[in-house]
Each structure stands twice: as structure tokens, then as C-alpha cells.
C-alpha atoms as a PDB file:
ATOM      1  CA  MET A   1     -48.038 -13.541 -37.780  1.00  0.00           C
ATOM      2  CA  SER A   2     -47.208 -11.327 -40.741  1.00  0.00           C
ATOM      3  CA  ASP A   3     -44.150 -11.572 -42.932  1.00  0.00           C
ATOM      4  CA  GLY A   4     -45.035  -8.654 -45.198  1.00  0.00           C
ATOM      5  CA  VAL A   5     -46.907 -10.516 -47.929  1.00  0.00           C
ATOM      6  CA  LEU A   6     -48.490 -13.304 -45.855  1.00  0.00           C
ATOM      7  CA  VAL A   7     -50.795 -13.054 -42.848  1.00  0.00           C
ATOM      8  CA  LEU A   8     -51.741 -16.051 -40.722  1.00  0.00           C
ATOM      9  CA  ASP A   9     -55.524 -16.505 -40.687  1.00  0.00           C
ATOM     10  CA  SER A  10     -57.509 -16.865 -37.479  1.00  0.00           C
ATOM     11  CA  ASP A  11     -57.645 -20.673 -37.904  1.00  0.00           C
ATOM     12  CA  GLY A  12     -53.895 -20.719 -37.209  1.00  0.00           C
ATOM     13  CA  ILE A  13     -53.224 -22.887 -40.269  1.00  0.00           C
ATOM     14  CA  SER A  14     -53.932 -21.022 -43.485  1.00  0.00           C
ATOM     15  CA  TYR A  15     -52.599 -17.729 -44.814  1.00  0.00           C
ATOM     16  CA  SER A  16     -53.918 -14.783 -46.788  1.00  0.00           C
ATOM     17  CA  GLY A  17     -52.098 -12.332 -48.993  1.00  0.00           C
ATOM     18  CA  SER A  18     -51.086  -8.959 -47.589  1.00  0.00           C
ATOM     19  CA  GLY A  19     -49.205  -5.853 -48.661  1.00  0.00           C
ATOM     20  CA  GLY A  20     -50.994  -5.721 -52.013  1.00  0.00           C
ATOM     21  CA  PHE A  21     -50.531  -9.443 -52.744  1.00  0.00           C
ATOM     22  CA  THR A  22     -53.483 -11.778 -53.288  1.00  0.00           C
ATOM     23  CA  ARG A  23     -53.219 -15.456 -52.383  1.00  0.00           C
ATOM     24  CA  GLU A  24     -54.244 -17.708 -55.249  1.00  0.00           C
ATOM     25  CA  TRP A  25     -54.198 -21.470 -55.737  1.00  0.00           C
ATOM     26  CA  ASP A  26     -52.816 -23.637 -58.547  1.00  0.00           C
ATOM     27  CA  SER A  27     -55.150 -26.647 -58.618  1.00  0.00           C
ATOM     28  CA  CYS A  28     -52.803 -28.732 -60.777  1.00  0.00           C
ATOM     29  CA  SER A  29     -49.764 -28.611 -58.462  1.00  0.00           C
ATOM     30  CA  LYS A  30     -51.824 -28.031 -55.284  1.00  0.00           C
ATOM     31  CA  THR A  31     -49.603 -25.059 -54.528  1.00  0.00           C
ATOM     32  CA  PRO A  32     -50.499 -21.575 -53.303  1.00  0.00           C
ATOM     33  CA  PHE A  33     -48.983 -18.513 -54.883  1.00  0.00           C
ATOM     34  CA  LEU A  34     -49.119 -14.793 -54.355  1.00  0.00           C
ATOM     35  CA  ARG A  35     -49.864 -12.297 -57.118  1.00  0.00           C
ATOM     36  CA  SER A  36     -49.248  -8.578 -56.883  1.00  0.00           C
ATOM     37  CA  PRO A  37     -51.197  -5.921 -58.789  1.00  0.00           C
ATOM     38  CA  ASP A  38     -48.205  -5.540 -61.156  1.00  0.00           C
ATOM     39  CA  ARG A  39     -48.347  -9.323 -61.855  1.00  0.00           C
ATOM     40  CA  GLN A  40     -45.371 -10.375 -59.749  1.00  0.00           C
ATOM     41  CA  VAL A  41     -45.854 -14.047 -58.764  1.00  0.00           C
ATOM     42  CA  VAL A  42     -44.377 -15.783 -55.723  1.00  0.00           C
ATOM     43  CA  ALA A  43     -44.902 -19.560 -55.417  1.00  0.00           C
ATOM     44  CA  TYR A  44     -44.541 -21.252 -52.026  1.00  0.00           C
ATOM     45  CA  ASP A  45     -45.820 -24.140 -49.926  1.00  0.00           C
ATOM     46  CA  ASP A  46     -47.902 -23.759 -46.787  1.00  0.00           C
ATOM     47  CA  PRO A  47     -49.323 -26.239 -44.249  1.00  0.00           C
ATOM     48  CA  GLU A  48     -52.338 -26.936 -46.485  1.00  0.00           C
ATOM     49  CA  SER A  49     -50.334 -27.693 -49.639  1.00  0.00           C
ATOM     50  CA  LEU A  50     -47.713 -29.720 -47.785  1.00  0.00           C
ATOM     51  CA  GLY A  51     -50.464 -31.742 -46.106  1.00  0.00           C
ATOM     52  CA  MET A  52     -52.101 -32.447 -49.468  1.00  0.00           C
ATOM     53  CA  LYS A  53     -48.787 -33.521 -51.001  1.00  0.00           C
ATOM     54  CA  ALA A  54     -48.037 -35.802 -48.043  1.00  0.00           C
ATOM     55  CA  ALA A  55     -51.546 -37.305 -48.236  1.00  0.00           C
ATOM     56  CA  PHE A  56     -50.997 -37.956 -51.937  1.00  0.00           C
ATOM     57  CA  SER A  57     -47.767 -39.810 -51.169  1.00  0.00           C
ATOM     58  CA  VAL A  58     -49.666 -42.024 -48.709  1.00  0.00           C
ATOM     59  CA  SER A  59     -52.484 -42.637 -51.204  1.00  0.00           C
ATOM     60  CA  VAL A  60     -50.091 -43.965 -53.861  1.00  0.00           C
ATOM     61  CA  GLY A  61     -48.175 -46.163 -51.419  1.00  0.00           C
ATOM     62  CA  MET A  62     -45.043 -44.088 -50.969  1.00  0.00           C
ATOM     63  CA  MET A  63     -43.223 -44.637 -47.690  1.00  0.00           C
ATOM     64  CA  GLY A  64     -42.837 -40.943 -46.822  1.00  0.00           C
ATOM     65  CA  VAL A  65     -41.807 -37.511 -48.018  1.00  0.00           C
ATOM     66  CA  ASN A  66     -38.598 -35.496 -48.080  1.00  0.00           C
ATOM     67  CA  LEU A  67     -38.383 -32.038 -46.549  1.00  0.00           C
ATOM     68  CA  PHE A  68     -35.389 -30.110 -47.826  1.00  0.00           C
ATOM     69  CA  ASP A  69     -35.129 -27.420 -45.143  1.00  0.00           C
ATOM     70  CA  VAL A  70     -37.182 -26.365 -42.119  1.00  0.00           C
ATOM     71  CA  THR A  71     -35.350 -23.074 -41.543  1.00  0.00           C
ATOM     72  CA  GLY A  72     -38.341 -21.050 -42.735  1.00  0.00           C
ATOM     73  CA  ASP A  73     -40.919 -22.870 -40.623  1.00  0.00           C
ATOM     74  CA  THR A  74     -42.849 -21.011 -37.940  1.00  0.00           C
ATOM     75  CA  ASP A  75     -41.995 -21.113 -34.241  1.00  0.00           C
ATOM     76  CA  ASN A  76     -44.776 -23.683 -33.713  1.00  0.00           C
ATOM     77  CA  TRP A  77     -43.664 -25.859 -36.684  1.00  0.00           C
ATOM     78  CA  SER A  78     -46.824 -25.344 -38.762  1.00  0.00           C
ATOM     79  CA  LEU A  79     -45.164 -26.559 -42.001  1.00  0.00           C
ATOM     80  CA  ALA A  80     -43.852 -29.756 -40.422  1.00  0.00           C
ATOM     81  CA  ASP A  81     -47.237 -30.292 -38.748  1.00  0.00           C
ATOM     82  CA  GLY A  82     -48.952 -29.972 -42.144  1.00  0.00           C
ATOM     83  CA  LEU A  83     -46.776 -32.804 -43.422  1.00  0.00           C
ATOM     84  CA  ILE A  84     -47.476 -34.920 -40.350  1.00  0.00           C
ATOM     85  CA  ARG A  85     -51.240 -34.410 -40.744  1.00  0.00           C
ATOM     86  CA  GLY A  86     -50.989 -35.450 -44.397  1.00  0.00           C
ATOM     87  CA  LEU A  87     -48.889 -38.510 -43.612  1.00  0.00           C
ATOM     88  CA  SER A  88     -51.472 -39.692 -41.107  1.00  0.00           C
ATOM     89  CA  TRP A  89     -54.270 -39.305 -43.698  1.00  0.00           C
ATOM     90  CA  GLN A  90     -56.529 -42.324 -44.060  1.00  0.00           C
ATOM     91  CA  GLU A  91     -58.789 -42.939 -47.052  1.00  0.00           C
END
């Protein structure tokens, strides 16, 4: 799957930058972002970051997470599945 600046990796879960964008990672917010050669930055969440955020909520005793909108999810619900994997995380 390619949406111009993101390409789904062969593992079917993670993404790489495309179209001149490089995928980078903000370790503080656990959020991926894309950077173009002219320093344009696009922040977003992917299955990995959503899973980590959901796992964090479980680890601190929260009862769940809130997902604002699933309109941009993939046909196979990879974003929602990332949240589900994180919510079922066990220490």
C-alpha cells in the first residue's frame, strides 16, 4: 500500500517513508514523523505508535483509550488492530 509518502513494509504492520520523505521517530512522544529534504515535517500515528500508547495506558492502570476517528484506517483495520494489540499487552 502506498499513499504517496508512506509505503507499507513487507511485515504488513510498519511503514517507511516514500516520495522523498524519510520516516523518523520521536522517542519522547513515541510518534513517527516524516521529514522531507526541504525540512517539511508530517507527524502521524501508525500501528506501532498506537500499540505503544495503548500498552502505556494499560501499564498505568487506565481502563482504555479513545480513538477520535477511524476514517483514515486501512481496509484491514491496521490502526485499530495496533490499539487492540497494545490493550492486550501484559507485563
